[in-house]
Amino acid sequence: MDFAESANVIFDKTIKLYHVTDNVDAKISSPYPEGTLEAALFTKCWIDTVQWHLEDIIRNPDIDPVEALALKRRIDHSNQDRTDLVEEIDSYFRKFYEGVEVLPDATINTESPAWALDRLSILALKIYHMREQVERADASAEHKAQCQGKLDVLLEQRVDLITAIDQLLADFTTGRKYMKVYRQMKMYNDPSTNPVLYGKK
């Protein structure tokens, strides 16, 4: 099994584990050894899965505004945790490939491996929840058919993304591509760069 397929297996297991309780406040119980790449991928997908359901909750039209604000701040914090973890995973790849001799005509990729894996994790969530819609007992045949069409596209997209990630890693291994990581510079979370925060007296 290639790397991206293995990562997708972790993502699928994580999503299923979350739905045992289907509770955004459930505690993380990683089945992978601490400090491993597998553990980081599990935590990454857990964050994504919790946030998926927080995004569902906050869209309740009857939600209390105070609760909605608290949820919005929780989602913001979750986004920062997600970004930090993606950068941690990219640091693993950068170190892993640092000894590879880069070919003279090597090119750079539009996104790093960890951000591609981030998309794969979100795609796993879309597939899980679209399949739920296809299997809904209370849904109309038309709704199920529409969702099945979307599910088919998502499944095809997953095959393409897994292939692309493994091709990218193969290019790193042979020096056909080189890895360059730009850290996210989110200004709105930083009290020194968000004018609403640093302008507050």
C-alpha atoms as a PDB file:
ATOM      1  CA  MET A   1       0.000   0.000   0.000  1.00  0.00           C
ATOM      2  CA  ASP A   2       1.434   3.391  -0.992  1.00  0.00           C
ATOM      3  CA  PHE A   3       1.735   6.246   1.484  1.00  0.00           C
ATOM      4  CA  ALA A   4      -1.317   8.280   0.485  1.00  0.00           C
ATOM      5  CA  GLU A   5      -3.553   5.209   0.540  1.00  0.00           C
ATOM      6  CA  SER A   6      -2.220   4.386   4.015  1.00  0.00           C
ATOM      7  CA  ALA A   7      -2.973   7.943   5.128  1.00  0.00           C
ATOM      8  CA  ASN A   8      -6.499   7.635   3.746  1.00  0.00           C
ATOM      9  CA  VAL A   9      -7.006   4.430   5.763  1.00  0.00           C
ATOM     10  CA  ILE A  10      -6.031   6.384   8.904  1.00  0.00           C
ATOM     11  CA  PHE A  11      -8.455   9.162   7.987  1.00  0.00           C
ATOM     12  CA  ASP A  12     -11.318   6.699   7.424  1.00  0.00           C
ATOM     13  CA  LYS A  13     -10.613   4.972  10.758  1.00  0.00           C
ATOM     14  CA  THR A  14     -10.490   8.325  12.552  1.00  0.00           C
ATOM     15  CA  ILE A  15     -13.827   9.446  11.146  1.00  0.00           C
ATOM     16  CA  LYS A  16     -15.470   6.148  12.084  1.00  0.00           C
ATOM     17  CA  LEU A  17     -14.003   6.362  15.589  1.00  0.00           C
ATOM     18  CA  TYR A  18     -15.413   9.866  16.027  1.00  0.00           C
ATOM     19  CA  HIS A  19     -18.883   8.676  15.014  1.00  0.00           C
ATOM     20  CA  VAL A  20     -18.892   6.046  17.761  1.00  0.00           C
ATOM     21  CA  THR A  21     -19.905   8.906  20.083  1.00  0.00           C
ATOM     22  CA  ASP A  22     -20.642  11.617  17.455  1.00  0.00           C
ATOM     23  CA  ASN A  23     -19.786  14.189  20.112  1.00  0.00           C
ATOM     24  CA  VAL A  24     -17.653  17.285  19.463  1.00  0.00           C
ATOM     25  CA  ASP A  25     -16.507  17.173  23.103  1.00  0.00           C
ATOM     26  CA  ALA A  26     -15.383  13.544  23.049  1.00  0.00           C
ATOM     27  CA  LYS A  27     -11.785  12.978  24.112  1.00  0.00           C
ATOM     28  CA  ILE A  28      -9.186  11.966  21.547  1.00  0.00           C
ATOM     29  CA  SER A  29      -7.950   8.410  21.968  1.00  0.00           C
ATOM     30  CA  SER A  30      -5.265   7.863  19.360  1.00  0.00           C
ATOM     31  CA  PRO A  31      -4.475   4.229  18.515  1.00  0.00           C
ATOM     32  CA  TYR A  32      -1.051   5.278  17.177  1.00  0.00           C
ATOM     33  CA  PRO A  33       2.183   5.758  19.158  1.00  0.00           C
ATOM     34  CA  GLU A  34       2.818   9.335  20.241  1.00  0.00           C
ATOM     35  CA  GLY A  35       5.318  11.205  18.106  1.00  0.00           C
ATOM     36  CA  THR A  36       4.761   9.142  14.951  1.00  0.00           C
ATOM     37  CA  LEU A  37       3.571  10.459  11.613  1.00  0.00           C
ATOM     38  CA  GLU A  38       0.537   8.164  11.918  1.00  0.00           C
ATOM     39  CA  ALA A  39      -0.398   9.828  15.216  1.00  0.00           C
ATOM     40  CA  ALA A  40      -0.092  13.267  13.614  1.00  0.00           C
ATOM     41  CA  LEU A  41      -2.339  12.202  10.723  1.00  0.00           C
ATOM     42  CA  PHE A  42      -4.883  10.807  13.181  1.00  0.00           C
ATOM     43  CA  THR A  43      -4.921  14.036  15.199  1.00  0.00           C
ATOM     44  CA  LYS A  44      -5.150  16.094  12.023  1.00  0.00           C
ATOM     45  CA  CYS A  45      -8.228  14.193  10.865  1.00  0.00           C
ATOM     46  CA  TRP A  46      -9.754  14.283  14.357  1.00  0.00           C
ATOM     47  CA  ILE A  47      -9.482  18.086  14.354  1.00  0.00           C
ATOM     48  CA  ASP A  48     -11.070  18.188  10.894  1.00  0.00           C
ATOM     49  CA  THR A  49     -13.890  15.870  11.947  1.00  0.00           C
ATOM     50  CA  VAL A  50     -14.752  17.812  15.090  1.00  0.00           C
ATOM     51  CA  GLN A  51     -14.656  21.055  13.138  1.00  0.00           C
ATOM     52  CA  TRP A  52     -16.925  19.586  10.442  1.00  0.00           C
ATOM     53  CA  HIS A  53     -19.582  19.018  13.092  1.00  0.00           C
ATOM     54  CA  LEU A  54     -18.999  22.389  14.762  1.00  0.00           C
ATOM     55  CA  GLU A  55     -19.675  23.982  11.366  1.00  0.00           C
ATOM     56  CA  ASP A  56     -22.949  22.023  11.205  1.00  0.00           C
ATOM     57  CA  ILE A  57     -23.980  23.143  14.697  1.00  0.00           C
ATOM     58  CA  ILE A  58     -23.235  26.833  14.160  1.00  0.00           C
ATOM     59  CA  ARG A  59     -25.534  26.886  11.114  1.00  0.00           C
ATOM     60  CA  ASN A  60     -28.582  26.071  13.243  1.00  0.00           C
ATOM     61  CA  PRO A  61     -30.890  29.080  12.569  1.00  0.00           C
ATOM     62  CA  ASP A  62     -32.220  28.850  16.130  1.00  0.00           C
ATOM     63  CA  ILE A  63     -28.830  28.863  17.840  1.00  0.00           C
ATOM     64  CA  ASP A  64     -28.373  31.239  20.746  1.00  0.00           C
ATOM     65  CA  PRO A  65     -26.133  34.162  19.630  1.00  0.00           C
ATOM     66  CA  VAL A  66     -23.892  33.799  22.684  1.00  0.00           C
ATOM     67  CA  GLU A  67     -23.423  30.108  21.965  1.00  0.00           C
ATOM     68  CA  ALA A  68     -22.767  30.915  18.301  1.00  0.00           C
ATOM     69  CA  LEU A  69     -20.002  33.351  19.234  1.00  0.00           C
ATOM     70  CA  ALA A  70     -18.393  30.787  21.520  1.00  0.00           C
ATOM     71  CA  LEU A  71     -18.565  28.224  18.710  1.00  0.00           C
ATOM     72  CA  LYS A  72     -17.067  30.706  16.214  1.00  0.00           C
ATOM     73  CA  ARG A  73     -14.114  31.271  18.535  1.00  0.00           C
ATOM     74  CA  ARG A  74     -13.744  27.517  18.990  1.00  0.00           C
ATOM     75  CA  ILE A  75     -13.703  27.056  15.216  1.00  0.00           C
ATOM     76  CA  ASP A  76     -11.059  29.786  14.886  1.00  0.00           C
ATOM     77  CA  HIS A  77      -8.916  28.008  17.463  1.00  0.00           C
ATOM     78  CA  SER A  78      -9.459  24.705  15.674  1.00  0.00           C
ATOM     79  CA  ASN A  79      -8.332  26.263  12.382  1.00  0.00           C
ATOM     80  CA  GLN A  80      -5.119  27.432  14.028  1.00  0.00           C
ATOM     81  CA  ASP A  81      -4.514  23.964  15.493  1.00  0.00           C
ATOM     82  CA  ARG A  82      -5.088  22.490  12.039  1.00  0.00           C
ATOM     83  CA  THR A  83      -2.603  24.858  10.421  1.00  0.00           C
ATOM     84  CA  ASP A  84       0.008  24.210  13.117  1.00  0.00           C
ATOM     85  CA  LEU A  85      -0.339  20.451  12.635  1.00  0.00           C
ATOM     86  CA  VAL A  86      -0.071  20.691   8.845  1.00  0.00           C
ATOM     87  CA  GLU A  87       3.183  22.598   9.294  1.00  0.00           C
ATOM     88  CA  GLU A  88       4.402  19.952  11.738  1.00  0.00           C
ATOM     89  CA  ILE A  89       3.678  17.209   9.173  1.00  0.00           C
ATOM     90  CA  ASP A  90       5.471  19.204   6.474  1.00  0.00           C
ATOM     91  CA  SER A  91       8.484  19.507   8.774  1.00  0.00           C
ATOM     92  CA  TYR A  92       8.570  15.701   8.907  1.00  0.00           C
ATOM     93  CA  PHE A  93       8.631  15.461   5.100  1.00  0.00           C
ATOM     94  CA  ARG A  94      11.213  18.199   4.765  1.00  0.00           C
ATOM     95  CA  LYS A  95      13.545  16.377   7.128  1.00  0.00           C
ATOM     96  CA  PHE A  96      12.835  13.030   5.440  1.00  0.00           C
ATOM     97  CA  TYR A  97      13.853  14.330   2.022  1.00  0.00           C
ATOM     98  CA  GLU A  98      16.632  16.709   3.052  1.00  0.00           C
ATOM     99  CA  GLY A  99      19.371  14.275   1.960  1.00  0.00           C
ATOM    100  CA  VAL A 100      18.025  13.770  -1.555  1.00  0.00           C
ATOM    101  CA  GLU A 101      20.189  15.226  -4.326  1.00  0.00           C
ATOM    102  CA  VAL A 102      17.983  17.596  -6.283  1.00  0.00           C
ATOM    103  CA  LEU A 103      18.267  17.363 -10.074  1.00  0.00           C
ATOM    104  CA  PRO A 104      19.350  20.506 -11.959  1.00  0.00           C
ATOM    105  CA  ASP A 105      15.997  20.761 -13.710  1.00  0.00           C
ATOM    106  CA  ALA A 106      13.941  19.966 -10.602  1.00  0.00           C
ATOM    107  CA  THR A 107      10.714  21.896 -10.152  1.00  0.00           C
ATOM    108  CA  ILE A 108       8.677  23.013  -7.159  1.00  0.00           C
ATOM    109  CA  ASN A 109       5.105  21.881  -6.496  1.00  0.00           C
ATOM    110  CA  THR A 110       2.157  24.221  -6.034  1.00  0.00           C
ATOM    111  CA  GLU A 111       1.437  22.816  -2.588  1.00  0.00           C
ATOM    112  CA  SER A 112       3.337  20.894   0.040  1.00  0.00           C
ATOM    113  CA  PRO A 113       2.656  17.223   0.897  1.00  0.00           C
ATOM    114  CA  ALA A 114       0.926  18.084   4.169  1.00  0.00           C
ATOM    115  CA  TRP A 115      -1.484  20.531   2.533  1.00  0.00           C
ATOM    116  CA  ALA A 116      -2.328  17.861  -0.046  1.00  0.00           C
ATOM    117  CA  LEU A 117      -2.952  15.451   2.845  1.00  0.00           C
ATOM    118  CA  ASP A 118      -5.125  18.133   4.442  1.00  0.00           C
ATOM    119  CA  ARG A 119      -7.314  18.033   1.324  1.00  0.00           C
ATOM    120  CA  LEU A 120      -7.379  14.231   1.477  1.00  0.00           C
ATOM    121  CA  SER A 121      -8.586  14.349   5.081  1.00  0.00           C
ATOM    122  CA  ILE A 122     -11.393  16.774   4.194  1.00  0.00           C
ATOM    123  CA  LEU A 123     -12.267  14.622   1.191  1.00  0.00           C
ATOM    124  CA  ALA A 124     -12.604  11.580   3.467  1.00  0.00           C
ATOM    125  CA  LEU A 125     -15.115  13.567   5.536  1.00  0.00           C
ATOM    126  CA  LYS A 126     -17.088  14.597   2.452  1.00  0.00           C
ATOM    127  CA  ILE A 127     -17.248  10.983   1.294  1.00  0.00           C
ATOM    128  CA  TYR A 128     -18.383   9.710   4.703  1.00  0.00           C
ATOM    129  CA  HIS A 129     -21.154  12.270   5.035  1.00  0.00           C
ATOM    130  CA  MET A 130     -22.279  12.120   1.413  1.00  0.00           C
ATOM    131  CA  ARG A 131     -22.603   8.346   1.779  1.00  0.00           C
ATOM    132  CA  GLU A 132     -24.776   9.001   4.854  1.00  0.00           C
ATOM    133  CA  GLN A 133     -27.092  11.051   2.653  1.00  0.00           C
ATOM    134  CA  VAL A 134     -27.279   8.290   0.060  1.00  0.00           C
ATOM    135  CA  GLU A 135     -28.275   5.831   2.786  1.00  0.00           C
ATOM    136  CA  ARG A 136     -30.775   8.081   4.620  1.00  0.00           C
ATOM    137  CA  ALA A 137     -33.970   6.176   5.302  1.00  0.00           C
ATOM    138  CA  ASP A 138     -36.076   9.364   5.438  1.00  0.00           C
ATOM    139  CA  ALA A 139     -34.731  10.911   2.223  1.00  0.00           C
ATOM    140  CA  SER A 140     -36.512  10.932  -1.115  1.00  0.00           C
ATOM    141  CA  ALA A 141     -35.310   8.855  -4.046  1.00  0.00           C
ATOM    142  CA  GLU A 142     -34.444  12.085  -5.862  1.00  0.00           C
ATOM    143  CA  HIS A 143     -32.283  13.299  -2.956  1.00  0.00           C
ATOM    144  CA  LYS A 144     -30.492   9.959  -2.766  1.00  0.00           C
ATOM    145  CA  ALA A 145     -29.853   9.940  -6.521  1.00  0.00           C
ATOM    146  CA  GLN A 146     -28.424  13.461  -6.436  1.00  0.00           C
ATOM    147  CA  CYS A 147     -26.173  12.568  -3.522  1.00  0.00           C
ATOM    148  CA  GLN A 148     -25.071   9.345  -5.227  1.00  0.00           C
ATOM    149  CA  GLY A 149     -23.952  11.400  -8.222  1.00  0.00           C
ATOM    150  CA  LYS A 150     -21.936  13.661  -5.933  1.00  0.00           C
ATOM    151  CA  LEU A 151     -20.514  10.664  -4.082  1.00  0.00           C
ATOM    152  CA  ASP A 152     -19.321   9.142  -7.356  1.00  0.00           C
ATOM    153  CA  VAL A 153     -17.433  12.353  -8.154  1.00  0.00           C
ATOM    154  CA  LEU A 154     -15.899  12.492  -4.672  1.00  0.00           C
ATOM    155  CA  LEU A 155     -14.714   8.884  -4.949  1.00  0.00           C
ATOM    156  CA  GLU A 156     -13.097   9.616  -8.301  1.00  0.00           C
ATOM    157  CA  GLN A 157     -11.508  12.733  -6.846  1.00  0.00           C
ATOM    158  CA  ARG A 158     -10.052  10.653  -4.004  1.00  0.00           C
ATOM    159  CA  VAL A 159      -8.395   8.230  -6.461  1.00  0.00           C
ATOM    160  CA  ASP A 160      -6.887  11.177  -8.342  1.00  0.00           C
ATOM    161  CA  LEU A 161      -5.671  12.914  -5.184  1.00  0.00           C
ATOM    162  CA  ILE A 162      -4.111   9.755  -3.742  1.00  0.00           C
ATOM    163  CA  THR A 163      -2.333   9.183  -7.060  1.00  0.00           C
ATOM    164  CA  ALA A 164      -1.115  12.787  -7.198  1.00  0.00           C
ATOM    165  CA  ILE A 165       0.236  12.710  -3.630  1.00  0.00           C
ATOM    166  CA  ASP A 166       2.148   9.484  -4.214  1.00  0.00           C
ATOM    167  CA  GLN A 167       3.519  10.850  -7.498  1.00  0.00           C
ATOM    168  CA  LEU A 168       4.688  13.973  -5.666  1.00  0.00           C
ATOM    169  CA  LEU A 169       6.458  11.916  -2.998  1.00  0.00           C
ATOM    170  CA  ALA A 170       8.072   9.790  -5.710  1.00  0.00           C
ATOM    171  CA  ASP A 171       9.335  12.971  -7.386  1.00  0.00           C
ATOM    172  CA  PHE A 172      10.840  14.117  -4.078  1.00  0.00           C
ATOM    173  CA  THR A 173      12.546  10.741  -3.681  1.00  0.00           C
ATOM    174  CA  THR A 174      14.205  10.973  -7.101  1.00  0.00           C
ATOM    175  CA  GLY A 175      15.010  14.682  -6.926  1.00  0.00           C
ATOM    176  CA  ARG A 176      12.664  15.607  -9.792  1.00  0.00           C
ATOM    177  CA  LYS A 177      10.911  18.004  -7.424  1.00  0.00           C
ATOM    178  CA  TYR A 178      12.209  19.798  -4.375  1.00  0.00           C
ATOM    179  CA  MET A 179      10.337  20.730  -1.251  1.00  0.00           C
ATOM    180  CA  LYS A 180       9.968  24.284  -0.083  1.00  0.00           C
ATOM    181  CA  VAL A 181       7.696  25.166   2.817  1.00  0.00           C
ATOM    182  CA  TYR A 182       6.178  28.573   3.465  1.00  0.00           C
ATOM    183  CA  ARG A 183       4.802  28.982   6.959  1.00  0.00           C
ATOM    184  CA  GLN A 184       1.274  30.315   7.209  1.00  0.00           C
ATOM    185  CA  MET A 185       1.244  33.922   8.324  1.00  0.00           C
ATOM    186  CA  LYS A 186      -2.289  34.343   9.554  1.00  0.00           C
ATOM    187  CA  MET A 187      -2.545  37.931  10.679  1.00  0.00           C
ATOM    188  CA  TYR A 188      -5.964  37.931  12.284  1.00  0.00           C
ATOM    189  CA  ASN A 189      -4.899  35.554  15.086  1.00  0.00           C
ATOM    190  CA  ASP A 190      -1.848  37.649  15.948  1.00  0.00           C
ATOM    191  CA  PRO A 191      -2.478  40.522  18.395  1.00  0.00           C
ATOM    192  CA  SER A 192       0.495  42.387  16.897  1.00  0.00           C
ATOM    193  CA  THR A 193      -0.867  42.353  13.308  1.00  0.00           C
ATOM    194  CA  ASN A 194      -4.673  42.440  13.717  1.00  0.00           C
ATOM    195  CA  PRO A 195      -5.574  46.165  14.023  1.00  0.00           C
ATOM    196  CA  VAL A 196      -8.732  45.352  15.966  1.00  0.00           C
ATOM    197  CA  LEU A 197      -6.542  43.683  18.611  1.00  0.00           C
ATOM    198  CA  TYR A 198      -3.469  45.924  18.712  1.00  0.00           C
ATOM    199  CA  GLY A 199      -5.611  49.056  18.420  1.00  0.00           C
ATOM    200  CA  LYS A 200      -7.619  48.107  21.491  1.00  0.00           C
ATOM    201  CA  LYS A 201      -6.934  50.362  24.471  1.00  0.00           C
END
